[in-house]
Amino acid sequence: MINKASKLLIVCSTLVLFSACQSTNLSDDTVPQSKNKYVEFIHSGDILPIKSMTTIEGKEVNLEHIGKKKLVILFATWCSDSNRLLKAMNNSPLLEDETIEVIAIAREEDKETVKKWRQDRNIKVQLAVDLDREIYKKFASGGIPRLITVTENNKIIKMNLAEGSEQLKKIVW
């Protein structure tokens, strides 16, 4: 004869066994997946949400120019990944390509800070500032550096969070 404790153990074991057989491995399209750590506000195919920027030297950069691809970099001088990325950009053939407009926009930093940072590191990329995140918040809720590639017709190709190493490989044309 089976006592109450044994019955309870059998019932619990059976429930565990049958519940383990339930499919918890839903197909990829039914399980919400977040491949990004941060909410992004632009997507491939969207029009670049900024028309122009003024560099820290006062030069106006027309980002609506048809016929040139654009590479927009969102960064911060205090960020190690941003420093690594912009140092790599110094040696990149992208800076010499006449068909590509490259501009890096410093998030929440003033011109003086960015000018000094540029001088200390001999950065060759055109730099602009986004003191109050007005530009940045058009792209994402967080995360830097970001690489945004844009077609000749001002449509976003891809935006990548460029953390880690080999960041230039994340530039997708």
C-alpha atoms as a PDB file:
ATOM      1  CA  MET A   1       0.000   0.000   0.000  1.00  0.00           C
ATOM      2  CA  ILE A   2       1.234   3.481  -0.913  1.00  0.00           C
ATOM      3  CA  ASN A   3       1.225   6.094   1.862  1.00  0.00           C
ATOM      4  CA  LYS A   4       0.165   9.736   1.370  1.00  0.00           C
ATOM      5  CA  ALA A   5       3.747  11.008   1.163  1.00  0.00           C
ATOM      6  CA  SER A   6       4.538   8.525  -1.609  1.00  0.00           C
ATOM      7  CA  LYS A   7       1.366   9.502  -3.518  1.00  0.00           C
ATOM      8  CA  LEU A   8       2.281  13.161  -3.241  1.00  0.00           C
ATOM      9  CA  LEU A   9       5.800  12.418  -4.512  1.00  0.00           C
ATOM     10  CA  ILE A  10       4.403  10.454  -7.472  1.00  0.00           C
ATOM     11  CA  VAL A  11       1.921  13.221  -8.353  1.00  0.00           C
ATOM     12  CA  CYS A  12       4.582  15.928  -8.121  1.00  0.00           C
ATOM     13  CA  SER A  13       7.047  13.878 -10.178  1.00  0.00           C
ATOM     14  CA  THR A  14       4.401  13.252 -12.830  1.00  0.00           C
ATOM     15  CA  LEU A  15       3.542  16.962 -13.016  1.00  0.00           C
ATOM     16  CA  VAL A  16       7.195  17.882 -13.370  1.00  0.00           C
ATOM     17  CA  LEU A  17       7.711  15.213 -16.032  1.00  0.00           C
ATOM     18  CA  PHE A  18       4.709  16.318 -18.100  1.00  0.00           C
ATOM     19  CA  SER A  19       5.388  20.006 -17.689  1.00  0.00           C
ATOM     20  CA  ALA A  20       8.933  19.428 -18.911  1.00  0.00           C
ATOM     21  CA  CYS A  21       7.501  17.876 -22.063  1.00  0.00           C
ATOM     22  CA  GLN A  22       5.563  21.017 -22.901  1.00  0.00           C
ATOM     23  CA  SER A  23       7.220  22.861 -25.714  1.00  0.00           C
ATOM     24  CA  THR A  24       8.948  25.909 -24.316  1.00  0.00           C
ATOM     25  CA  ASN A  25      11.087  26.138 -27.425  1.00  0.00           C
ATOM     26  CA  LEU A  26       8.800  28.354 -29.485  1.00  0.00           C
ATOM     27  CA  SER A  27       9.812  29.311 -32.980  1.00  0.00           C
ATOM     28  CA  ASP A  28      11.950  32.425 -33.349  1.00  0.00           C
ATOM     29  CA  ASP A  29       9.072  34.460 -34.749  1.00  0.00           C
ATOM     30  CA  THR A  30       6.888  33.918 -31.675  1.00  0.00           C
ATOM     31  CA  VAL A  31       9.463  34.714 -29.018  1.00  0.00           C
ATOM     32  CA  PRO A  32      10.288  38.381 -28.633  1.00  0.00           C
ATOM     33  CA  GLN A  33      14.007  38.648 -29.202  1.00  0.00           C
ATOM     34  CA  SER A  34      15.996  41.747 -28.416  1.00  0.00           C
ATOM     35  CA  LYS A  35      19.227  41.759 -30.363  1.00  0.00           C
ATOM     36  CA  ASN A  36      19.949  45.315 -29.245  1.00  0.00           C
ATOM     37  CA  LYS A  37      20.541  46.479 -25.698  1.00  0.00           C
ATOM     38  CA  TYR A  38      18.912  49.829 -26.433  1.00  0.00           C
ATOM     39  CA  VAL A  39      15.783  51.027 -28.177  1.00  0.00           C
ATOM     40  CA  GLU A  40      16.563  52.283 -31.671  1.00  0.00           C
ATOM     41  CA  PHE A  41      14.444  54.940 -33.359  1.00  0.00           C
ATOM     42  CA  ILE A  42      15.691  54.580 -36.925  1.00  0.00           C
ATOM     43  CA  HIS A  43      15.728  51.570 -39.211  1.00  0.00           C
ATOM     44  CA  SER A  44      17.113  50.525 -42.569  1.00  0.00           C
ATOM     45  CA  GLY A  45      15.297  52.432 -45.305  1.00  0.00           C
ATOM     46  CA  ASP A  46      14.437  55.476 -43.167  1.00  0.00           C
ATOM     47  CA  ILE A  47      15.586  58.909 -44.317  1.00  0.00           C
ATOM     48  CA  LEU A  48      18.521  60.284 -42.315  1.00  0.00           C
ATOM     49  CA  PRO A  49      16.828  62.466 -39.656  1.00  0.00           C
ATOM     50  CA  ILE A  50      19.459  65.231 -39.697  1.00  0.00           C
ATOM     51  CA  LYS A  51      19.854  67.658 -42.584  1.00  0.00           C
ATOM     52  CA  SER A  52      23.138  69.353 -41.721  1.00  0.00           C
ATOM     53  CA  MET A  53      25.708  69.767 -38.969  1.00  0.00           C
ATOM     54  CA  THR A  54      28.196  72.465 -38.145  1.00  0.00           C
ATOM     55  CA  THR A  55      31.668  71.152 -37.329  1.00  0.00           C
ATOM     56  CA  ILE A  56      33.659  72.360 -34.347  1.00  0.00           C
ATOM     57  CA  GLU A  57      35.575  74.536 -36.834  1.00  0.00           C
ATOM     58  CA  GLY A  58      32.340  76.195 -38.004  1.00  0.00           C
ATOM     59  CA  LYS A  59      32.069  74.399 -41.373  1.00  0.00           C
ATOM     60  CA  GLU A  60      28.506  73.516 -42.460  1.00  0.00           C
ATOM     61  CA  VAL A  61      28.184  69.852 -43.553  1.00  0.00           C
ATOM     62  CA  ASN A  62      25.161  69.197 -45.783  1.00  0.00           C
ATOM     63  CA  LEU A  63      23.886  65.718 -44.919  1.00  0.00           C
ATOM     64  CA  GLU A  64      21.035  65.969 -47.453  1.00  0.00           C
ATOM     65  CA  HIS A  65      23.495  66.125 -50.351  1.00  0.00           C
ATOM     66  CA  ILE A  66      22.314  63.675 -53.008  1.00  0.00           C
ATOM     67  CA  GLY A  67      25.065  61.657 -54.651  1.00  0.00           C
ATOM     68  CA  LYS A  68      27.348  61.107 -51.655  1.00  0.00           C
ATOM     69  CA  LYS A  69      27.188  58.256 -49.208  1.00  0.00           C
ATOM     70  CA  LYS A  70      27.396  59.312 -45.565  1.00  0.00           C
ATOM     71  CA  LEU A  71      28.933  57.754 -42.496  1.00  0.00           C
ATOM     72  CA  VAL A  72      27.614  59.338 -39.322  1.00  0.00           C
ATOM     73  CA  ILE A  73      29.362  58.380 -36.095  1.00  0.00           C
ATOM     74  CA  LEU A  74      27.790  59.095 -32.716  1.00  0.00           C
ATOM     75  CA  PHE A  75      30.400  59.028 -29.962  1.00  0.00           C
ATOM     76  CA  ALA A  76      31.686  60.465 -26.686  1.00  0.00           C
ATOM     77  CA  THR A  77      35.263  61.501 -25.920  1.00  0.00           C
ATOM     78  CA  TRP A  78      35.202  59.707 -22.528  1.00  0.00           C
ATOM     79  CA  CYS A  79      34.151  56.362 -24.090  1.00  0.00           C
ATOM     80  CA  SER A  80      36.979  53.854 -24.677  1.00  0.00           C
ATOM     81  CA  ASP A  81      35.116  52.225 -27.596  1.00  0.00           C
ATOM     82  CA  SER A  82      34.635  55.647 -29.195  1.00  0.00           C
ATOM     83  CA  ASN A  83      38.331  56.426 -28.783  1.00  0.00           C
ATOM     84  CA  ARG A  84      39.282  53.092 -30.367  1.00  0.00           C
ATOM     85  CA  LEU A  85      36.874  53.644 -33.272  1.00  0.00           C
ATOM     86  CA  LEU A  86      38.000  57.158 -34.107  1.00  0.00           C
ATOM     87  CA  LYS A  87      41.665  56.167 -33.865  1.00  0.00           C
ATOM     88  CA  ALA A  88      40.951  53.380 -36.361  1.00  0.00           C
ATOM     89  CA  MET A  89      39.118  55.846 -38.610  1.00  0.00           C
ATOM     90  CA  ASN A  90      42.302  57.965 -38.765  1.00  0.00           C
ATOM     91  CA  ASN A  91      43.925  55.194 -40.811  1.00  0.00           C
ATOM     92  CA  SER A  92      40.846  54.244 -42.805  1.00  0.00           C
ATOM     93  CA  PRO A  93      40.627  54.790 -46.567  1.00  0.00           C
ATOM     94  CA  LEU A  94      37.054  55.992 -45.943  1.00  0.00           C
ATOM     95  CA  LEU A  95      38.452  59.409 -45.017  1.00  0.00           C
ATOM     96  CA  GLU A  96      40.104  59.704 -48.447  1.00  0.00           C
ATOM     97  CA  ASP A  97      37.041  58.529 -50.412  1.00  0.00           C
ATOM     98  CA  GLU A  98      35.529  61.564 -52.193  1.00  0.00           C
ATOM     99  CA  THR A  99      32.179  59.750 -52.543  1.00  0.00           C
ATOM    100  CA  ILE A 100      31.674  59.469 -48.770  1.00  0.00           C
ATOM    101  CA  GLU A 101      30.939  62.248 -46.261  1.00  0.00           C
ATOM    102  CA  VAL A 102      32.158  61.250 -42.785  1.00  0.00           C
ATOM    103  CA  ILE A 103      31.165  63.160 -39.674  1.00  0.00           C
ATOM    104  CA  ALA A 104      31.427  62.193 -36.011  1.00  0.00           C
ATOM    105  CA  ILE A 105      29.065  63.822 -33.526  1.00  0.00           C
ATOM    106  CA  ALA A 106      30.098  64.046 -29.871  1.00  0.00           C
ATOM    107  CA  ARG A 107      27.204  63.407 -27.519  1.00  0.00           C
ATOM    108  CA  GLU A 108      26.718  65.776 -24.557  1.00  0.00           C
ATOM    109  CA  GLU A 109      30.047  67.531 -24.964  1.00  0.00           C
ATOM    110  CA  ASP A 110      30.997  71.100 -25.755  1.00  0.00           C
ATOM    111  CA  LYS A 111      33.232  72.369 -28.572  1.00  0.00           C
ATOM    112  CA  GLU A 112      36.182  73.182 -26.316  1.00  0.00           C
ATOM    113  CA  THR A 113      36.267  69.670 -24.825  1.00  0.00           C
ATOM    114  CA  VAL A 114      36.017  68.054 -28.261  1.00  0.00           C
ATOM    115  CA  LYS A 115      38.660  70.358 -29.776  1.00  0.00           C
ATOM    116  CA  LYS A 116      41.125  69.501 -27.011  1.00  0.00           C
ATOM    117  CA  TRP A 117      40.346  65.777 -27.292  1.00  0.00           C
ATOM    118  CA  ARG A 118      40.852  65.948 -31.067  1.00  0.00           C
ATOM    119  CA  GLN A 119      44.155  67.769 -30.724  1.00  0.00           C
ATOM    120  CA  ASP A 120      45.464  65.360 -28.065  1.00  0.00           C
ATOM    121  CA  ARG A 121      44.680  62.356 -30.298  1.00  0.00           C
ATOM    122  CA  ASN A 122      45.295  63.897 -33.732  1.00  0.00           C
ATOM    123  CA  ILE A 123      41.813  62.862 -34.926  1.00  0.00           C
ATOM    124  CA  LYS A 124      41.252  63.586 -38.636  1.00  0.00           C
ATOM    125  CA  VAL A 125      37.482  62.946 -38.831  1.00  0.00           C
ATOM    126  CA  GLN A 126      35.178  65.981 -39.097  1.00  0.00           C
ATOM    127  CA  LEU A 127      33.717  66.540 -35.636  1.00  0.00           C
ATOM    128  CA  ALA A 128      30.524  68.203 -34.431  1.00  0.00           C
ATOM    129  CA  VAL A 129      28.862  68.410 -31.026  1.00  0.00           C
ATOM    130  CA  ASP A 130      25.426  67.471 -29.744  1.00  0.00           C
ATOM    131  CA  LEU A 131      25.482  69.263 -26.413  1.00  0.00           C
ATOM    132  CA  ASP A 132      21.965  68.360 -25.285  1.00  0.00           C
ATOM    133  CA  ARG A 133      21.446  64.997 -27.098  1.00  0.00           C
ATOM    134  CA  GLU A 134      19.058  66.654 -29.540  1.00  0.00           C
ATOM    135  CA  ILE A 135      20.638  64.742 -32.444  1.00  0.00           C
ATOM    136  CA  TYR A 136      21.399  61.516 -30.579  1.00  0.00           C
ATOM    137  CA  LYS A 137      17.827  61.012 -29.372  1.00  0.00           C
ATOM    138  CA  LYS A 138      16.693  60.762 -33.001  1.00  0.00           C
ATOM    139  CA  PHE A 139      18.697  57.559 -33.311  1.00  0.00           C
ATOM    140  CA  ALA A 140      18.640  55.540 -30.068  1.00  0.00           C
ATOM    141  CA  SER A 141      17.934  55.520 -26.353  1.00  0.00           C
ATOM    142  CA  GLY A 142      21.527  54.684 -25.432  1.00  0.00           C
ATOM    143  CA  GLY A 143      24.777  53.080 -26.488  1.00  0.00           C
ATOM    144  CA  ILE A 144      27.845  54.518 -28.149  1.00  0.00           C
ATOM    145  CA  PRO A 145      29.667  54.564 -30.442  1.00  0.00           C
ATOM    146  CA  ARG A 146      27.164  54.148 -33.245  1.00  0.00           C
ATOM    147  CA  LEU A 147      27.970  53.811 -36.928  1.00  0.00           C
ATOM    148  CA  ILE A 148      25.204  54.914 -39.292  1.00  0.00           C
ATOM    149  CA  THR A 149      25.709  54.262 -42.996  1.00  0.00           C
ATOM    150  CA  VAL A 150      23.544  56.213 -45.420  1.00  0.00           C
ATOM    151  CA  THR A 151      22.970  55.828 -49.173  1.00  0.00           C
ATOM    152  CA  GLU A 152      23.586  58.489 -51.813  1.00  0.00           C
ATOM    153  CA  ASN A 153      19.825  59.194 -51.578  1.00  0.00           C
ATOM    154  CA  ASN A 154      19.935  59.774 -47.796  1.00  0.00           C
ATOM    155  CA  LYS A 155      18.339  56.488 -46.776  1.00  0.00           C
ATOM    156  CA  ILE A 156      19.703  54.652 -43.757  1.00  0.00           C
ATOM    157  CA  ILE A 157      21.479  51.475 -44.760  1.00  0.00           C
ATOM    158  CA  LYS A 158      22.338  50.270 -41.273  1.00  0.00           C
ATOM    159  CA  MET A 159      23.027  51.518 -37.767  1.00  0.00           C
ATOM    160  CA  ASN A 160      25.423  49.468 -35.683  1.00  0.00           C
ATOM    161  CA  LEU A 161      26.485  49.753 -32.090  1.00  0.00           C
ATOM    162  CA  ALA A 162      30.259  49.587 -32.489  1.00  0.00           C
ATOM    163  CA  GLU A 163      31.429  48.315 -29.124  1.00  0.00           C
ATOM    164  CA  GLY A 164      34.476  46.095 -28.820  1.00  0.00           C
ATOM    165  CA  SER A 165      37.230  45.554 -31.341  1.00  0.00           C
ATOM    166  CA  GLU A 166      37.342  45.498 -35.151  1.00  0.00           C
ATOM    167  CA  GLN A 167      34.711  48.225 -35.243  1.00  0.00           C
ATOM    168  CA  LEU A 168      35.355  49.255 -38.845  1.00  0.00           C
ATOM    169  CA  LYS A 169      34.133  45.815 -39.944  1.00  0.00           C
ATOM    170  CA  LYS A 170      30.695  46.870 -38.621  1.00  0.00           C
ATOM    171  CA  ILE A 171      30.402  49.509 -41.351  1.00  0.00           C
ATOM    172  CA  VAL A 172      27.878  48.081 -43.801  1.00  0.00           C
ATOM    173  CA  TRP A 173      27.412  49.605 -47.247  1.00  0.00           C
END
